Amino acid sequence: MRVNLQGVKWTLGKGVTADDVLKQLRTHHGRIVKFNNCDRLIYVEEDDSYYYMLFLTIKDQRKVCEITTAGEITISIRELEQGKNLVDFNFVVLKKTTLRGIYQYYYHSCSLNQFCIFCMKEYNVVRDKKRKQEMRIQGGQNPSAKVAKQVNAKFKGTLEWEVMLRPETFDNLVRELSQLNEFHVTFSKSVRNK
């Protein structure tokens, strides 16, 4: 298995801290969470300088293909034992002061983008709770438009992320992309029947 390490940088919106987000992620500790049609588990730890996360994706695959290459090549299908599942794992380390870190990825495991979407959804849960609480404090049951605008501005934004590349990696990527002759993409639009 070839493991890749990807650099990542988080940027947070207003009114929500990284500690808030990680505290929210910890609420799922040891519990299966449905995300993107897969069961997931997340574990979060920290020390004075870093956040450490383990993100597990439980596969619903019931059978595994195996190959034997000693002598005659044989491919066989093996069924997993009852109650056992395949699992992919990703490790994440973020430096607290910069929110920059490393994401460990390998083929077929959860992509950095999907992991960050998961974290962004949890960020939004925290932001929306804080916004609702602040709305009640500032404006009671029926806050004015002015209060609502102020509160929304206080909690503007969401979790955003960037993939960080070393300059030589970026140069190689541009060189590889310059070799493309054609690129086709098809868009479709669904129209509701009336």
Protein backbone atom coordinates (compact mmCIF):
# COMPACT_ATOMS: atom_id res chain seq x y z
CA MET A 1 0.00 0.00 0.00
CA ARG A 2 1.42 3.37 -1.02
CA VAL A 3 0.66 6.02 1.58
CA ASN A 4 0.62 9.71 0.63
CA LEU A 5 0.95 12.60 3.01
CA GLN A 6 -0.99 15.68 1.96
CA GLY A 7 -0.53 19.13 3.43
CA VAL A 8 -3.70 20.90 4.52
CA LYS A 9 -4.53 24.33 5.88
CA TRP A 10 -7.81 25.15 7.63
CA THR A 11 -9.29 28.63 7.74
CA LEU A 12 -12.18 29.26 10.12
CA GLY A 13 -15.07 31.66 9.78
CA LYS A 14 -15.93 34.19 12.48
CA GLY A 15 -17.09 33.29 15.98
CA VAL A 16 -16.04 29.62 16.03
CA THR A 17 -12.64 28.42 17.25
CA ALA A 18 -10.72 25.29 16.35
CA ASP A 19 -11.27 24.11 19.93
CA ASP A 20 -15.03 24.46 19.35
CA VAL A 21 -14.84 22.33 16.20
CA LEU A 22 -12.70 19.63 17.81
CA LYS A 23 -15.00 19.55 20.84
CA GLN A 24 -17.91 18.93 18.45
CA LEU A 25 -15.96 16.18 16.68
CA ARG A 26 -15.29 14.57 20.07
CA THR A 27 -19.05 14.19 20.63
CA HIS A 28 -18.86 11.37 18.04
CA HIS A 29 -16.04 9.56 19.89
CA GLY A 30 -16.68 5.81 19.65
CA ARG A 31 -20.03 6.29 17.88
CA ILE A 32 -20.74 5.41 14.27
CA VAL A 33 -21.67 8.44 12.20
CA LYS A 34 -23.31 8.17 8.77
CA PHE A 35 -21.56 10.39 6.24
CA ASN A 36 -21.60 10.19 2.47
CA ASN A 37 -23.24 6.73 2.44
CA CYS A 38 -20.57 5.23 4.71
CA ASP A 39 -20.29 4.53 8.42
CA ARG A 40 -17.50 6.56 10.01
CA LEU A 41 -15.75 6.76 13.35
CA ILE A 42 -13.62 9.69 14.47
CA TYR A 43 -11.23 9.90 17.40
CA VAL A 44 -9.69 13.19 18.51
CA GLU A 45 -6.78 13.82 20.87
CA GLU A 46 -4.59 16.83 21.50
CA ASP A 47 -1.53 18.05 23.33
CA ASP A 48 -0.25 21.59 23.88
CA SER A 49 0.74 22.05 20.23
CA TYR A 50 -1.28 19.70 18.02
CA TYR A 51 -4.67 18.17 17.32
CA TYR A 52 -4.54 14.48 16.37
CA MET A 53 -7.41 12.76 14.59
CA LEU A 54 -8.07 9.23 13.41
CA PHE A 55 -10.87 8.93 10.83
CA LEU A 56 -12.16 5.41 10.12
CA THR A 57 -14.42 4.43 7.22
CA ILE A 58 -16.26 1.15 7.71
CA LYS A 59 -16.83 -0.59 4.39
CA ASP A 60 -20.03 -2.52 3.74
CA GLN A 61 -18.18 -4.96 1.51
CA ARG A 62 -18.96 -8.59 2.43
CA LYS A 63 -16.53 -10.38 0.10
CA VAL A 64 -12.83 -10.01 -0.67
CA CYS A 65 -10.95 -11.14 -3.77
CA GLU A 66 -7.58 -12.78 -3.16
CA ILE A 67 -4.90 -13.89 -5.60
CA THR A 68 -2.32 -16.63 -5.23
CA THR A 69 0.72 -16.18 -7.47
CA ALA A 70 2.84 -19.12 -6.28
CA GLY A 71 2.85 -21.50 -9.22
CA GLU A 72 -0.46 -21.28 -11.05
CA ILE A 73 -2.28 -17.95 -10.61
CA THR A 74 -5.52 -18.46 -8.70
CA ILE A 75 -8.14 -15.86 -7.84
CA SER A 76 -10.57 -16.74 -5.09
CA ILE A 77 -13.41 -14.95 -3.34
CA ARG A 78 -13.55 -15.09 0.42
CA GLU A 79 -16.54 -14.01 2.46
CA LEU A 80 -15.85 -11.99 5.60
CA GLU A 81 -16.85 -13.52 8.91
CA GLN A 82 -20.17 -12.45 10.41
CA GLY A 83 -19.84 -9.15 12.27
CA LYS A 84 -16.54 -8.20 10.63
CA ASN A 85 -16.03 -5.37 8.15
CA LEU A 86 -13.18 -3.91 6.17
CA VAL A 87 -12.01 -0.52 7.39
CA ASP A 88 -9.95 2.30 5.91
CA PHE A 89 -8.13 4.71 8.16
CA ASN A 90 -6.76 8.21 7.83
CA PHE A 91 -4.58 10.04 10.33
CA VAL A 92 -4.60 13.82 10.62
CA VAL A 93 -2.31 16.14 12.56
CA LEU A 94 -3.00 19.90 12.78
CA LYS A 95 -0.77 22.45 14.46
CA LYS A 96 -2.94 24.50 16.82
CA THR A 97 -1.33 27.87 16.15
CA THR A 98 -1.50 27.72 12.34
CA LEU A 99 -4.19 25.10 11.62
CA ARG A 100 -1.78 23.61 9.09
CA GLY A 101 -1.12 19.94 9.09
CA ILE A 102 -0.70 16.61 7.40
CA TYR A 103 -3.38 14.21 6.17
CA GLN A 104 -2.42 10.59 5.56
CA TYR A 105 -4.16 9.11 2.52
CA TYR A 106 -3.92 5.94 0.49
CA TYR A 107 -5.85 4.62 -2.52
CA HIS A 108 -9.54 3.99 -1.74
CA SER A 109 -9.37 5.60 1.70
CA CYS A 110 -11.32 8.76 2.49
CA SER A 111 -10.00 11.72 0.50
CA LEU A 112 -8.80 14.89 2.17
CA ASN A 113 -11.67 16.75 0.54
CA GLN A 114 -14.31 14.38 1.97
CA PHE A 115 -12.72 14.49 5.42
CA CYS A 116 -12.78 18.30 5.36
CA ILE A 117 -16.42 18.31 4.19
CA PHE A 118 -17.23 16.11 7.20
CA CYS A 119 -15.41 18.58 9.49
CA MET A 120 -17.09 21.56 7.79
CA LYS A 121 -20.52 20.07 8.50
CA GLU A 122 -19.56 19.72 12.16
CA TYR A 123 -18.25 23.30 12.13
CA ASN A 124 -21.61 24.43 10.77
CA VAL A 125 -23.43 22.63 13.59
CA VAL A 126 -21.35 24.57 16.14
CA ARG A 127 -21.77 27.86 14.29
CA ASP A 128 -25.53 27.47 13.98
CA LYS A 129 -25.90 26.63 17.70
CA LYS A 130 -23.84 29.67 18.66
CA ARG A 131 -25.75 31.87 16.25
CA LYS A 132 -29.10 30.70 17.61
CA GLN A 133 -27.96 31.22 21.21
CA GLU A 134 -26.64 34.70 20.44
CA MET A 135 -29.86 35.56 18.61
CA ARG A 136 -31.87 34.69 21.76
CA ILE A 137 -29.54 36.69 24.01
CA GLN A 138 -29.53 39.78 21.77
CA GLY A 139 -33.11 39.79 20.51
CA GLY A 140 -35.28 37.47 22.59
CA GLN A 141 -37.89 35.32 20.86
CA ASN A 142 -38.33 37.65 17.87
CA PRO A 143 -35.08 39.47 17.10
CA SER A 144 -35.24 42.52 14.86
CA ALA A 145 -33.72 42.49 11.39
CA LYS A 146 -30.90 44.69 12.70
CA VAL A 147 -30.05 42.23 15.51
CA ALA A 148 -30.26 39.28 13.09
CA LYS A 149 -27.88 41.03 10.69
CA GLN A 150 -25.38 41.78 13.50
CA VAL A 151 -25.49 38.22 14.80
CA ASN A 152 -25.13 36.74 11.32
CA ALA A 153 -22.09 38.97 10.71
CA LYS A 154 -20.57 37.82 14.03
CA PHE A 155 -20.75 34.19 12.85
CA LYS A 156 -20.08 34.72 9.15
CA GLY A 157 -18.28 32.02 7.20
CA THR A 158 -17.53 28.35 7.57
CA LEU A 159 -14.57 26.00 7.68
CA GLU A 160 -12.52 26.27 4.49
CA TRP A 161 -9.45 24.29 3.56
CA GLU A 162 -6.60 24.35 1.11
CA VAL A 163 -4.29 21.60 -0.07
CA MET A 164 -0.71 22.67 0.47
CA LEU A 165 1.92 21.68 -2.09
CA ARG A 166 5.67 22.07 -2.09
CA PRO A 167 6.89 24.31 -4.96
CA GLU A 168 8.57 21.38 -6.75
CA THR A 169 5.36 19.33 -6.48
CA PHE A 170 3.38 22.19 -7.98
CA ASP A 171 5.88 22.55 -10.84
CA ASN A 172 5.57 18.81 -11.62
CA LEU A 173 1.78 19.05 -11.55
CA VAL A 174 1.77 21.98 -13.99
CA ARG A 175 4.21 20.11 -16.26
CA GLU A 176 1.93 17.03 -16.27
CA LEU A 177 -1.16 19.13 -16.96
CA SER A 178 0.56 20.89 -19.86
CA GLN A 179 0.74 17.51 -21.63
CA LEU A 180 -3.06 17.31 -21.90
CA ASN A 181 -4.36 17.77 -25.42
CA GLU A 182 -8.07 17.61 -24.73
CA PHE A 183 -10.39 17.70 -21.78
CA HIS A 184 -14.09 16.92 -22.09
CA VAL A 185 -16.70 17.54 -19.48
CA THR A 186 -20.46 17.13 -19.71
CA PHE A 187 -22.92 19.07 -17.60
CA SER A 188 -26.56 18.26 -17.25
CA LYS A 189 -29.43 20.12 -15.75
CA SER A 190 -32.49 18.52 -14.26
CA VAL A 191 -35.77 20.19 -14.99
CA ARG A 192 -38.78 19.59 -12.80
CA ASN A 193 -41.87 18.36 -14.62
CA LYS A 194 -44.90 20.55 -14.11
